[in-house]
Amino acid sequence: MTDSLAEPDHANRAPPESHAVAARFAALSHPARIEILKHLSASNSCCCREVVDHLDLAQSTVSQHLKILVEAGLVRFQPDRQRSRYEVDRAALADVSASLTALINSCCSGR
């Protein structure tokens, strides 16, 4: 029996940069994470509690979404005494934008 979510063999042969781009796109694939990025972008940094209060989601849910965004390199995490601080990595988001633009240009160049 095969796992229907497993990546096909050809996906494993993709260049490492394609894997990194795919991981970032995957991190952006949830509406709550988009809203978290918007909220973080509007401030210099926030603690998890501030995001929870803004989005009216459970603390555990926000923490999990923040963890995914941090692991994808889209959000930076910095411990700050008893409250950790999170901020958008704007350069990483710019890289995602550039990657998407390059993909669109290569796929839609009228060949």
PDB file of N, CA and C in Angstrom:
ATOM      1  N   MET A   1       0.848  -1.175   0.000  1.00  0.00           N
ATOM      2  CA  MET A   1       0.000   0.000   0.000  1.00  0.00           C
ATOM      3  C   MET A   1       0.897   1.243   0.000  1.00  0.00           C
ATOM      4  N   THR A   2       0.599   2.193  -0.852  1.00  0.00           N
ATOM      5  CA  THR A   2       1.401   3.408  -0.917  1.00  0.00           C
ATOM      6  C   THR A   2       0.670   4.543  -0.245  1.00  0.00           C
ATOM      7  N   ASP A   3       1.427   5.486   0.246  1.00  0.00           N
ATOM      8  CA  ASP A   3       0.869   6.676   0.874  1.00  0.00           C
ATOM      9  C   ASP A   3       0.482   7.653  -0.222  1.00  0.00           C
ATOM     10  N   SER A   4      -0.791   8.047  -0.269  1.00  0.00           N
ATOM     11  CA  SER A   4      -1.248   8.938  -1.337  1.00  0.00           C
ATOM     12  C   SER A   4      -0.657  10.338  -1.211  1.00  0.00           C
ATOM     13  N   LEU A   5      -0.100  10.685  -0.032  1.00  0.00           N
ATOM     14  CA  LEU A   5       0.500  11.997   0.153  1.00  0.00           C
ATOM     15  C   LEU A   5       1.999  11.993  -0.104  1.00  0.00           C
ATOM     16  N   ALA A   6       2.554  10.824  -0.376  1.00  0.00           N
ATOM     17  CA  ALA A   6       3.993  10.736  -0.622  1.00  0.00           C
ATOM     18  C   ALA A   6       4.335  11.446  -1.923  1.00  0.00           C
ATOM     19  N   GLU A   7       5.521  12.037  -1.936  1.00  0.00           N
ATOM     20  CA  GLU A   7       5.966  12.723  -3.134  1.00  0.00           C
ATOM     21  C   GLU A   7       6.388  11.697  -4.182  1.00  0.00           C
ATOM     22  N   PRO A   8       6.105  11.985  -5.448  1.00  0.00           N
ATOM     23  CA  PRO A   8       6.588  11.091  -6.501  1.00  0.00           C
ATOM     24  C   PRO A   8       8.115  11.118  -6.539  1.00  0.00           C
ATOM     25  N   ASP A   9       8.709  10.052  -7.085  1.00  0.00           N
ATOM     26  CA  ASP A   9      10.165   9.955  -7.143  1.00  0.00           C
ATOM     27  C   ASP A   9      10.811  11.154  -7.823  1.00  0.00           C
ATOM     28  N   HIS A  10      10.190  11.670  -8.885  1.00  0.00           N
ATOM     29  CA  HIS A  10      10.793  12.796  -9.605  1.00  0.00           C
ATOM     30  C   HIS A  10      10.853  14.056  -8.744  1.00  0.00           C
ATOM     31  N   ALA A  11       9.973  14.197  -7.761  1.00  0.00           N
ATOM     32  CA  ALA A  11      10.008  15.366  -6.877  1.00  0.00           C
ATOM     33  C   ALA A  11      11.258  15.345  -6.008  1.00  0.00           C
ATOM     34  N   ASN A  12      11.727  14.170  -5.661  1.00  0.00           N
ATOM     35  CA  ASN A  12      12.926  14.046  -4.837  1.00  0.00           C
ATOM     36  C   ASN A  12      14.184  14.437  -5.600  1.00  0.00           C
ATOM     37  N   ARG A  13      14.119  14.457  -6.923  1.00  0.00           N
ATOM     38  CA  ARG A  13      15.278  14.823  -7.741  1.00  0.00           C
ATOM     39  C   ARG A  13      15.307  16.311  -8.066  1.00  0.00           C
ATOM     40  N   ALA A  14      14.337  17.059  -7.585  1.00  0.00           N
ATOM     41  CA  ALA A  14      14.294  18.498  -7.846  1.00  0.00           C
ATOM     42  C   ALA A  14      15.452  19.175  -7.126  1.00  0.00           C
ATOM     43  N   PRO A  15      15.930  20.276  -7.666  1.00  0.00           N
ATOM     44  CA  PRO A  15      17.030  21.011  -7.016  1.00  0.00           C
ATOM     45  C   PRO A  15      16.619  21.481  -5.618  1.00  0.00           C
ATOM     46  N   PRO A  16      17.586  21.595  -4.718  1.00  0.00           N
ATOM     47  CA  PRO A  16      17.281  22.023  -3.345  1.00  0.00           C
ATOM     48  C   PRO A  16      16.521  23.345  -3.278  1.00  0.00           C
ATOM     49  N   GLU A  17      16.823  24.271  -4.183  1.00  0.00           N
ATOM     50  CA  GLU A  17      16.116  25.557  -4.135  1.00  0.00           C
ATOM     51  C   GLU A  17      14.634  25.382  -4.447  1.00  0.00           C
ATOM     52  N   SER A  18      14.278  24.393  -5.267  1.00  0.00           N
ATOM     53  CA  SER A  18      12.863  24.121  -5.543  1.00  0.00           C
ATOM     54  C   SER A  18      12.165  23.583  -4.305  1.00  0.00           C
ATOM     55  N   HIS A  19      12.874  22.765  -3.541  1.00  0.00           N
ATOM     56  CA  HIS A  19      12.310  22.256  -2.287  1.00  0.00           C
ATOM     57  C   HIS A  19      12.076  23.402  -1.303  1.00  0.00           C
ATOM     58  N   ALA A  20      13.024  24.340  -1.235  1.00  0.00           N
ATOM     59  CA  ALA A  20      12.893  25.477  -0.316  1.00  0.00           C
ATOM     60  C   ALA A  20      11.709  26.356  -0.719  1.00  0.00           C
ATOM     61  N   VAL A  21      11.565  26.612  -2.007  1.00  0.00           N
ATOM     62  CA  VAL A  21      10.451  27.421  -2.491  1.00  0.00           C
ATOM     63  C   VAL A  21       9.129  26.705  -2.198  1.00  0.00           C
ATOM     64  N   ALA A  22       9.089  25.412  -2.452  1.00  0.00           N
ATOM     65  CA  ALA A  22       7.864  24.643  -2.191  1.00  0.00           C
ATOM     66  C   ALA A  22       7.494  24.676  -0.709  1.00  0.00           C
ATOM     67  N   ALA A  23       8.489  24.587   0.170  1.00  0.00           N
ATOM     68  CA  ALA A  23       8.225  24.639   1.614  1.00  0.00           C
ATOM     69  C   ALA A  23       7.639  25.987   2.007  1.00  0.00           C
ATOM     70  N   ARG A  24       8.146  27.048   1.392  1.00  0.00           N
ATOM     71  CA  ARG A  24       7.610  28.381   1.704  1.00  0.00           C
ATOM     72  C   ARG A  24       6.194  28.545   1.159  1.00  0.00           C
ATOM     73  N   PHE A  25       5.955  28.044  -0.049  1.00  0.00           N
ATOM     74  CA  PHE A  25       4.598  28.103  -0.592  1.00  0.00           C
ATOM     75  C   PHE A  25       3.645  27.295   0.289  1.00  0.00           C
ATOM     76  N   ALA A  26       4.090  26.142   0.759  1.00  0.00           N
ATOM     77  CA  ALA A  26       3.249  25.317   1.634  1.00  0.00           C
ATOM     78  C   ALA A  26       2.920  26.063   2.919  1.00  0.00           C
ATOM     79  N   ALA A  27       3.894  26.779   3.464  1.00  0.00           N
ATOM     80  CA  ALA A  27       3.655  27.547   4.691  1.00  0.00           C
ATOM     81  C   ALA A  27       2.639  28.659   4.453  1.00  0.00           C
ATOM     82  N   LEU A  28       2.564  29.142   3.235  1.00  0.00           N
ATOM     83  CA  LEU A  28       1.622  30.205   2.899  1.00  0.00           C
ATOM     84  C   LEU A  28       0.241  29.673   2.506  1.00  0.00           C
ATOM     85  N   SER A  29       0.064  28.366   2.544  1.00  0.00           N
ATOM     86  CA  SER A  29      -1.158  27.762   2.009  1.00  0.00           C
ATOM     87  C   SER A  29      -2.330  27.711   2.991  1.00  0.00           C
ATOM     88  N   HIS A  30      -2.201  28.332   4.150  1.00  0.00           N
ATOM     89  CA  HIS A  30      -3.302  28.324   5.123  1.00  0.00           C
ATOM     90  C   HIS A  30      -3.754  29.759   5.384  1.00  0.00           C
ATOM     91  N   PRO A  31      -5.048  30.019   5.341  1.00  0.00           N
ATOM     92  CA  PRO A  31      -5.540  31.389   5.549  1.00  0.00           C
ATOM     93  C   PRO A  31      -5.109  32.007   6.885  1.00  0.00           C
ATOM     94  N   ALA A  32      -5.058  31.217   7.929  1.00  0.00           N
ATOM     95  CA  ALA A  32      -4.644  31.765   9.236  1.00  0.00           C
ATOM     96  C   ALA A  32      -3.193  32.238   9.191  1.00  0.00           C
ATOM     97  N   ARG A  33      -2.344  31.518   8.475  1.00  0.00           N
ATOM     98  CA  ARG A  33      -0.941  31.934   8.385  1.00  0.00           C
ATOM     99  C   ARG A  33      -0.798  33.218   7.560  1.00  0.00           C
ATOM    100  N   ILE A  34      -1.645  33.385   6.551  1.00  0.00           N
ATOM    101  CA  ILE A  34      -1.648  34.634   5.787  1.00  0.00           C
ATOM    102  C   ILE A  34      -2.039  35.784   6.717  1.00  0.00           C
ATOM    103  N   GLU A  35      -3.063  35.573   7.529  1.00  0.00           N
ATOM    104  CA  GLU A  35      -3.502  36.616   8.457  1.00  0.00           C
ATOM    105  C   GLU A  35      -2.435  36.907   9.511  1.00  0.00           C
ATOM    106  N   ILE A  36      -1.747  35.889   9.962  1.00  0.00           N
ATOM    107  CA  ILE A  36      -0.652  36.091  10.917  1.00  0.00           C
ATOM    108  C   ILE A  36       0.442  36.941  10.275  1.00  0.00           C
ATOM    109  N   LEU A  37       0.806  36.638   9.038  1.00  0.00           N
ATOM    110  CA  LEU A  37       1.821  37.431   8.343  1.00  0.00           C
ATOM    111  C   LEU A  37       1.375  38.882   8.184  1.00  0.00           C
ATOM    112  N   LYS A  38       0.118  39.093   7.851  1.00  0.00           N
ATOM    113  CA  LYS A  38      -0.397  40.460   7.723  1.00  0.00           C
ATOM    114  C   LYS A  38      -0.291  41.199   9.056  1.00  0.00           C
ATOM    115  N   HIS A  39      -0.670  40.526  10.131  1.00  0.00           N
ATOM    116  CA  HIS A  39      -0.619  41.150  11.456  1.00  0.00           C
ATOM    117  C   HIS A  39       0.818  41.461  11.858  1.00  0.00           C
ATOM    118  N   LEU A  40       1.710  40.503  11.642  1.00  0.00           N
ATOM    119  CA  LEU A  40       3.110  40.729  11.983  1.00  0.00           C
ATOM    120  C   LEU A  40       3.719  41.838  11.127  1.00  0.00           C
ATOM    121  N   SER A  41       3.308  41.922   9.881  1.00  0.00           N
ATOM    122  CA  SER A  41       3.838  42.948   8.982  1.00  0.00           C
ATOM    123  C   SER A  41       3.439  44.355   9.423  1.00  0.00           C
ATOM    124  N   ALA A  42       2.317  44.462  10.096  1.00  0.00           N
ATOM    125  CA  ALA A  42       1.826  45.770  10.531  1.00  0.00           C
ATOM    126  C   ALA A  42       2.560  46.283  11.776  1.00  0.00           C
ATOM    127  N   SER A  43       3.387  45.435  12.385  1.00  0.00           N
ATOM    128  CA  SER A  43       4.127  45.850  13.577  1.00  0.00           C
ATOM    129  C   SER A  43       5.580  45.412  13.432  1.00  0.00           C
ATOM    130  N   ASN A  44       6.424  45.924  14.287  1.00  0.00           N
ATOM    131  CA  ASN A  44       7.832  45.511  14.243  1.00  0.00           C
ATOM    132  C   ASN A  44       7.979  44.070  14.699  1.00  0.00           C
ATOM    133  N   SER A  45       7.303  43.721  15.760  1.00  0.00           N
ATOM    134  CA  SER A  45       7.297  42.346  16.252  1.00  0.00           C
ATOM    135  C   SER A  45       6.121  42.183  17.203  1.00  0.00           C
ATOM    136  N   CYS A  46       5.714  40.947  17.394  1.00  0.00           N
ATOM    137  CA  CYS A  46       4.588  40.636  18.268  1.00  0.00           C
ATOM    138  C   CYS A  46       4.903  39.395  19.073  1.00  0.00           C
ATOM    139  N   CYS A  47       4.262  39.275  20.201  1.00  0.00           N
ATOM    140  CA  CYS A  47       4.309  38.008  20.929  1.00  0.00           C
ATOM    141  C   CYS A  47       3.098  37.181  20.492  1.00  0.00           C
ATOM    142  N   CYS A  48       3.125  35.928  20.793  1.00  0.00           N
ATOM    143  CA  CYS A  48       2.048  35.014  20.398  1.00  0.00           C
ATOM    144  C   CYS A  48       0.705  35.506  20.928  1.00  0.00           C
ATOM    145  N   ARG A  49       0.676  35.987  22.156  1.00  0.00           N
ATOM    146  CA  ARG A  49      -0.570  36.447  22.782  1.00  0.00           C
ATOM    147  C   ARG A  49      -1.221  37.561  21.959  1.00  0.00           C
ATOM    148  N   GLU A  50      -0.413  38.475  21.427  1.00  0.00           N
ATOM    149  CA  GLU A  50      -0.956  39.565  20.615  1.00  0.00           C
ATOM    150  C   GLU A  50      -1.595  39.030  19.335  1.00  0.00           C
ATOM    151  N   VAL A  51      -0.994  38.027  18.760  1.00  0.00           N
ATOM    152  CA  VAL A  51      -1.564  37.417  17.552  1.00  0.00           C
ATOM    153  C   VAL A  51      -2.859  36.685  17.910  1.00  0.00           C
ATOM    154  N   VAL A  52      -2.844  35.973  19.022  1.00  0.00           N
ATOM    155  CA  VAL A  52      -4.044  35.258  19.483  1.00  0.00           C
ATOM    156  C   VAL A  52      -5.198  36.245  19.676  1.00  0.00           C
ATOM    157  N   ASP A  53      -4.926  37.355  20.352  1.00  0.00           N
ATOM    158  CA  ASP A  53      -5.973  38.350  20.607  1.00  0.00           C
ATOM    159  C   ASP A  53      -6.502  38.952  19.310  1.00  0.00           C
ATOM    160  N   HIS A  54      -5.629  39.165  18.354  1.00  0.00           N
ATOM    161  CA  HIS A  54      -6.028  39.767  17.078  1.00  0.00           C
ATOM    162  C   HIS A  54      -6.872  38.808  16.235  1.00  0.00           C
ATOM    163  N   LEU A  55      -6.507  37.537  16.211  1.00  0.00           N
ATOM    164  CA  LEU A  55      -7.169  36.579  15.321  1.00  0.00           C
ATOM    165  C   LEU A  55      -8.273  35.778  15.992  1.00  0.00           C
ATOM    166  N   ASP A  56      -8.351  35.858  17.300  1.00  0.00           N
ATOM    167  CA  ASP A  56      -9.358  35.094  18.041  1.00  0.00           C
ATOM    168  C   ASP A  56      -9.269  33.597  17.743  1.00  0.00           C
ATOM    169  N   LEU A  57      -8.029  33.099  17.774  1.00  0.00           N
ATOM    170  CA  LEU A  57      -7.767  31.666  17.640  1.00  0.00           C
ATOM    171  C   LEU A  57      -7.159  31.173  18.941  1.00  0.00           C
ATOM    172  N   ALA A  58      -7.213  29.878  19.151  1.00  0.00           N
ATOM    173  CA  ALA A  58      -6.601  29.293  20.347  1.00  0.00           C
ATOM    174  C   ALA A  58      -5.093  29.522  20.326  1.00  0.00           C
ATOM    175  N   GLN A  59      -4.523  29.695  21.500  1.00  0.00           N
ATOM    176  CA  GLN A  59      -3.083  29.917  21.617  1.00  0.00           C
ATOM    177  C   GLN A  59      -2.301  28.776  20.993  1.00  0.00           C
ATOM    178  N   SER A  60      -2.753  27.550  21.208  1.00  0.00           N
ATOM    179  CA  SER A  60      -2.042  26.389  20.650  1.00  0.00           C
ATOM    180  C   SER A  60      -2.083  26.401  19.119  1.00  0.00           C
ATOM    181  N   THR A  61      -3.187  26.857  18.554  1.00  0.00           N
ATOM    182  CA  THR A  61      -3.315  26.937  17.103  1.00  0.00           C
ATOM    183  C   THR A  61      -2.361  27.986  16.534  1.00  0.00           C
ATOM    184  N   VAL A  62      -2.351  29.161  17.158  1.00  0.00           N
ATOM    185  CA  VAL A  62      -1.452  30.229  16.705  1.00  0.00           C
ATOM    186  C   VAL A  62       0.002  29.787  16.848  1.00  0.00           C
ATOM    187  N   SER A  63       0.324  29.150  17.955  1.00  0.00           N
ATOM    188  CA  SER A  63       1.699  28.671  18.162  1.00  0.00           C
ATOM    189  C   SER A  63       2.118  27.705  17.066  1.00  0.00           C
ATOM    190  N   GLN A  64       1.234  26.803  16.690  1.00  0.00           N
ATOM    191  CA  GLN A  64       1.550  25.844  15.630  1.00  0.00           C
ATOM    192  C   GLN A  64       1.751  26.551  14.295  1.00  0.00           C
ATOM    193  N   HIS A  65       0.894  27.509  13.978  1.00  0.00           N
ATOM    194  CA  HIS A  65       1.047  28.257  12.732  1.00  0.00           C
ATOM    195  C   HIS A  65       2.351  29.059  12.735  1.00  0.00           C
ATOM    196  N   LEU A  66       2.673  29.687  13.858  1.00  0.00           N
ATOM    197  CA  LEU A  66       3.922  30.438  13.958  1.00  0.00           C
ATOM    198  C   LEU A  66       5.122  29.513  13.782  1.00  0.00           C
ATOM    199  N   LYS A  67       5.042  28.328  14.349  1.00  0.00           N
ATOM    200  CA  LYS A  67       6.133  27.364  14.211  1.00  0.00           C
ATOM    201  C   LYS A  67       6.360  27.016  12.742  1.00  0.00           C
ATOM    202  N   ILE A  68       5.296  26.807  12.004  1.00  0.00           N
ATOM    203  CA  ILE A  68       5.400  26.479  10.578  1.00  0.00           C
ATOM    204  C   ILE A  68       6.018  27.643   9.812  1.00  0.00           C
ATOM    205  N   LEU A  69       5.603  28.857  10.125  1.00  0.00           N
ATOM    206  CA  LEU A  69       6.152  30.031   9.449  1.00  0.00           C
ATOM    207  C   LEU A  69       7.628  30.228   9.782  1.00  0.00           C
ATOM    208  N   VAL A  70       8.006  29.960  11.025  1.00  0.00           N
ATOM    209  CA  VAL A  70       9.414  30.066  11.430  1.00  0.00           C
ATOM    210  C   VAL A  70      10.238  29.002  10.713  1.00  0.00           C
ATOM    211  N   GLU A  71       9.756  27.758  10.701  1.00  0.00           N
ATOM    212  CA  GLU A  71      10.487  26.667  10.048  1.00  0.00           C
ATOM    213  C   GLU A  71      10.667  26.915   8.553  1.00  0.00           C
ATOM    214  N   ALA A  72       9.707  27.596   7.941  1.00  0.00           N
ATOM    215  CA  ALA A  72       9.800  27.905   6.517  1.00  0.00           C
ATOM    216  C   ALA A  72      10.706  29.113   6.259  1.00  0.00           C
ATOM    217  N   GLY A  73      11.114  29.774   7.323  1.00  0.00           N
ATOM    218  CA  GLY A  73      12.007  30.920   7.182  1.00  0.00           C
ATOM    219  C   GLY A  73      11.301  32.219   6.842  1.00  0.00           C
ATOM    220  N   LEU A  74       9.997  32.252   6.978  1.00  0.00           N
ATOM    221  CA  LEU A  74       9.231  33.457   6.654  1.00  0.00           C
ATOM    222  C   LEU A  74       9.069  34.393   7.843  1.00  0.00           C
ATOM    223  N   VAL A  75       9.227  33.840   9.038  1.00  0.00           N
ATOM    224  CA  VAL A  75       9.095  34.606  10.284  1.00  0.00           C
ATOM    225  C   VAL A  75      10.303  34.300  11.145  1.00  0.00           C
ATOM    226  N   ARG A  76      10.816  35.341  11.787  1.00  0.00           N
ATOM    227  CA  ARG A  76      11.938  35.172  12.723  1.00  0.00           C
ATOM    228  C   ARG A  76      11.396  35.109  14.140  1.00  0.00           C
ATOM    229  N   PHE A  77      12.017  34.276  14.932  1.00  0.00           N
ATOM    230  CA  PHE A  77      11.639  34.057  16.325  1.00  0.00           C
ATOM    231  C   PHE A  77      12.784  34.541  17.205  1.00  0.00           C
ATOM    232  N   GLN A  78      12.441  35.287  18.243  1.00  0.00           N
ATOM    233  CA  GLN A  78      13.463  35.744  19.176  1.00  0.00           C
ATOM    234  C   GLN A  78      12.917  35.645  20.593  1.00  0.00           C
ATOM    235  N   PRO A  79      13.588  34.845  21.440  1.00  0.00           N
ATOM    236  CA  PRO A  79      13.135  34.770  22.836  1.00  0.00           C
ATOM    237  C   PRO A  79      13.317  36.132  23.508  1.00  0.00           C
ATOM    238  N   ASP A  80      12.339  36.536  24.293  1.00  0.00           N
ATOM    239  CA  ASP A  80      12.372  37.825  24.987  1.00  0.00           C
ATOM    240  C   ASP A  80      11.808  37.620  26.387  1.00  0.00           C
ATOM    241  N   ARG A  81      12.687  37.325  27.296  1.00  0.00           N
ATOM    242  CA  ARG A  81      12.313  36.997  28.676  1.00  0.00           C
ATOM    243  C   ARG A  81      11.237  35.921  28.680  1.00  0.00           C
ATOM    244  N   GLN A  82      10.042  36.267  29.134  1.00  0.00           N
ATOM    245  CA  GLN A  82       8.990  35.248  29.238  1.00  0.00           C
ATOM    246  C   GLN A  82       8.075  35.206  28.019  1.00  0.00           C
ATOM    247  N   ARG A  83       8.250  36.163  27.122  1.00  0.00           N
ATOM    248  CA  ARG A  83       7.416  36.186  25.916  1.00  0.00           C
ATOM    249  C   ARG A  83       8.305  36.205  24.684  1.00  0.00           C
ATOM    250  N   SER A  84       8.129  35.233  23.852  1.00  0.00           N
ATOM    251  CA  SER A  84       8.887  35.184  22.602  1.00  0.00           C
ATOM    252  C   SER A  84       8.319  36.206  21.634  1.00  0.00           C
ATOM    253  N   ARG A  85       9.187  36.766  20.821  1.00  0.00           N
ATOM    254  CA  ARG A  85       8.777  37.766  19.842  1.00  0.00           C
ATOM    255  C   ARG A  85       8.909  37.180  18.432  1.00  0.00           C
ATOM    256  N   TYR A  86       7.996  37.555  17.571  1.00  0.00           N
ATOM    257  CA  TYR A  86       7.980  37.095  16.188  1.00  0.00           C
ATOM    258  C   TYR A  86       7.940  38.308  15.267  1.00  0.00           C
ATOM    259  N   GLU A  87       8.662  38.212  14.157  1.00  0.00           N
ATOM    260  CA  GLU A  87       8.609  39.268  13.152  1.00  0.00           C
ATOM    261  C   GLU A  87       8.768  38.661  11.767  1.00  0.00           C
ATOM    262  N   VAL A  88       8.167  39.323  10.793  1.00  0.00           N
ATOM    263  CA  VAL A  88       8.243  38.866   9.403  1.00  0.00           C
ATOM    264  C   VAL A  88       9.669  39.038   8.904  1.00  0.00           C
ATOM    265  N   ASP A  89      10.146  38.033   8.187  1.00  0.00           N
ATOM    266  CA  ASP A  89      11.421  38.155   7.487  1.00  0.00           C
ATOM    267  C   ASP A  89      11.085  38.694   6.099  1.00  0.00           C
ATOM    268  N   ARG A  90      11.187  39.993   5.956  1.00  0.00           N
ATOM    269  CA  ARG A  90      10.768  40.649   4.708  1.00  0.00           C
ATOM    270  C   ARG A  90      11.604  40.209   3.510  1.00  0.00           C
ATOM    271  N   ALA A  91      12.872  39.941   3.736  1.00  0.00           N
ATOM    272  CA  ALA A  91      13.724  39.468   2.639  1.00  0.00           C
ATOM    273  C   ALA A  91      13.261  38.097   2.154  1.00  0.00           C
ATOM    274  N   ALA A  92      12.873  37.234   3.072  1.00  0.00           N
ATOM    275  CA  ALA A  92      12.382  35.906   2.691  1.00  0.00           C
ATOM    276  C   ALA A  92      11.079  36.022   1.899  1.00  0.00           C
ATOM    277  N   LEU A  93      10.188  36.925   2.312  1.00  0.00           N
ATOM    278  CA  LEU A  93       8.949  37.125   1.553  1.00  0.00           C
ATOM    279  C   LEU A  93       9.240  37.699   0.168  1.00  0.00           C
ATOM    280  N   ALA A  94      10.219  38.576   0.071  1.00  0.00           N
ATOM    281  CA  ALA A  94      10.608  39.110  -1.229  1.00  0.00           C
ATOM    282  C   ALA A  94      11.150  37.990  -2.121  1.00  0.00           C
ATOM    283  N   ASP A  95      11.887  37.048  -1.517  1.00  0.00           N
ATOM    284  CA  ASP A  95      12.383  35.902  -2.286  1.00  0.00           C
ATOM    285  C   ASP A  95      11.236  35.041  -2.795  1.00  0.00           C
ATOM    286  N   VAL A  96      10.194  34.863  -1.975  1.00  0.00           N
ATOM    287  CA  VAL A  96       9.023  34.100  -2.414  1.00  0.00           C
ATOM    288  C   VAL A  96       8.378  34.804  -3.601  1.00  0.00           C
ATOM    289  N   SER A  97       8.248  36.112  -3.509  1.00  0.00           N
ATOM    290  CA  SER A  97       7.662  36.882  -4.601  1.00  0.00           C
ATOM    291  C   SER A  97       8.492  36.738  -5.872  1.00  0.00           C
ATOM    292  N   ALA A  98       9.809  36.834  -5.736  1.00  0.00           N
ATOM    293  CA  ALA A  98      10.688  36.696  -6.904  1.00  0.00           C
ATOM    294  C   ALA A  98      10.598  35.288  -7.497  1.00  0.00           C
ATOM    295  N   SER A  99      10.513  34.285  -6.638  1.00  0.00           N
ATOM    296  CA  SER A  99      10.389  32.901  -7.112  1.00  0.00           C
ATOM    297  C   SER A  99       9.091  32.705  -7.880  1.00  0.00           C
ATOM    298  N   LEU A 100       8.009  33.263  -7.364  1.00  0.00           N
ATOM    299  CA  LEU A 100       6.721  33.137  -8.037  1.00  0.00           C
ATOM    300  C   LEU A 100       6.738  33.882  -9.372  1.00  0.00           C
ATOM    301  N   THR A 101       7.329  35.058  -9.383  1.00  0.00           N
ATOM    302  CA  THR A 101       7.439  35.820 -10.633  1.00  0.00           C
ATOM    303  C   THR A 101       8.250  35.038 -11.666  1.00  0.00           C
ATOM    304  N   ALA A 102       9.358  34.461 -11.249  1.00  0.00           N
ATOM    305  CA  ALA A 102      10.190  33.675 -12.167  1.00  0.00           C
ATOM    306  C   ALA A 102       9.426  32.462 -12.696  1.00  0.00           C
ATOM    307  N   LEU A 103       8.678  31.802 -11.815  1.00  0.00           N
ATOM    308  CA  LEU A 103       7.884  30.654 -12.245  1.00  0.00           C
ATOM    309  C   LEU A 103       6.827  31.060 -13.252  1.00  0.00           C
ATOM    310  N   ILE A 104       6.122  32.142 -12.978  1.00  0.00           N
ATOM    311  CA  ILE A 104       5.098  32.618 -13.900  1.00  0.00           C
ATOM    312  C   ILE A 104       5.706  33.005 -15.233  1.00  0.00           C
ATOM    313  N   ASN A 105       6.827  33.694 -15.184  1.00  0.00           N
ATOM    314  CA  ASN A 105       7.490  34.105 -16.421  1.00  0.00           C
ATOM    315  C   ASN A 105       7.953  32.903 -17.242  1.00  0.00           C
ATOM    316  N   SER A 106       8.450  31.869 -16.574  1.00  0.00           N
ATOM    317  CA  SER A 106       8.937  30.692 -17.313  1.00  0.00           C
ATOM    318  C   SER A 106       7.778  29.865 -17.864  1.00  0.00           C
ATOM    319  N   CYS A 107       6.661  29.866 -17.179  1.00  0.00           N
ATOM    320  CA  CYS A 107       5.518  29.060 -17.628  1.00  0.00           C
ATOM    321  C   CYS A 107       4.635  29.803 -18.624  1.00  0.00           C
ATOM    322  N   CYS A 108       4.649  31.089 -18.569  1.00  0.00           N
ATOM    323  CA  CYS A 108       3.698  31.876 -19.363  1.00  0.00           C
ATOM    324  C   CYS A 108       4.385  32.789 -20.362  1.00  0.00           C
ATOM    325  N   SER A 109       5.556  32.409 -20.808  1.00  0.00           N
ATOM    326  CA  SER A 109       6.315  33.291 -21.701  1.00  0.00           C
ATOM    327  C   SER A 109       5.895  33.154 -23.169  1.00  0.00           C
ATOM    328  N   GLY A 110       4.815  32.417 -23.417  1.00  0.00           N
ATOM    329  CA  GLY A 110       4.295  32.324 -24.786  1.00  0.00           C
ATOM    330  C   GLY A 110       4.982  31.311 -25.653  1.00  0.00           C
ATOM    331  N   ARG A 111       5.630  30.350 -25.069  1.00  0.00           N
ATOM    332  CA  ARG A 111       6.322  29.321 -25.867  1.00  0.00           C
ATOM    333  C   ARG A 111       5.361  28.470 -26.597  1.00  0.00           C
TER     334      ARG A 111
END
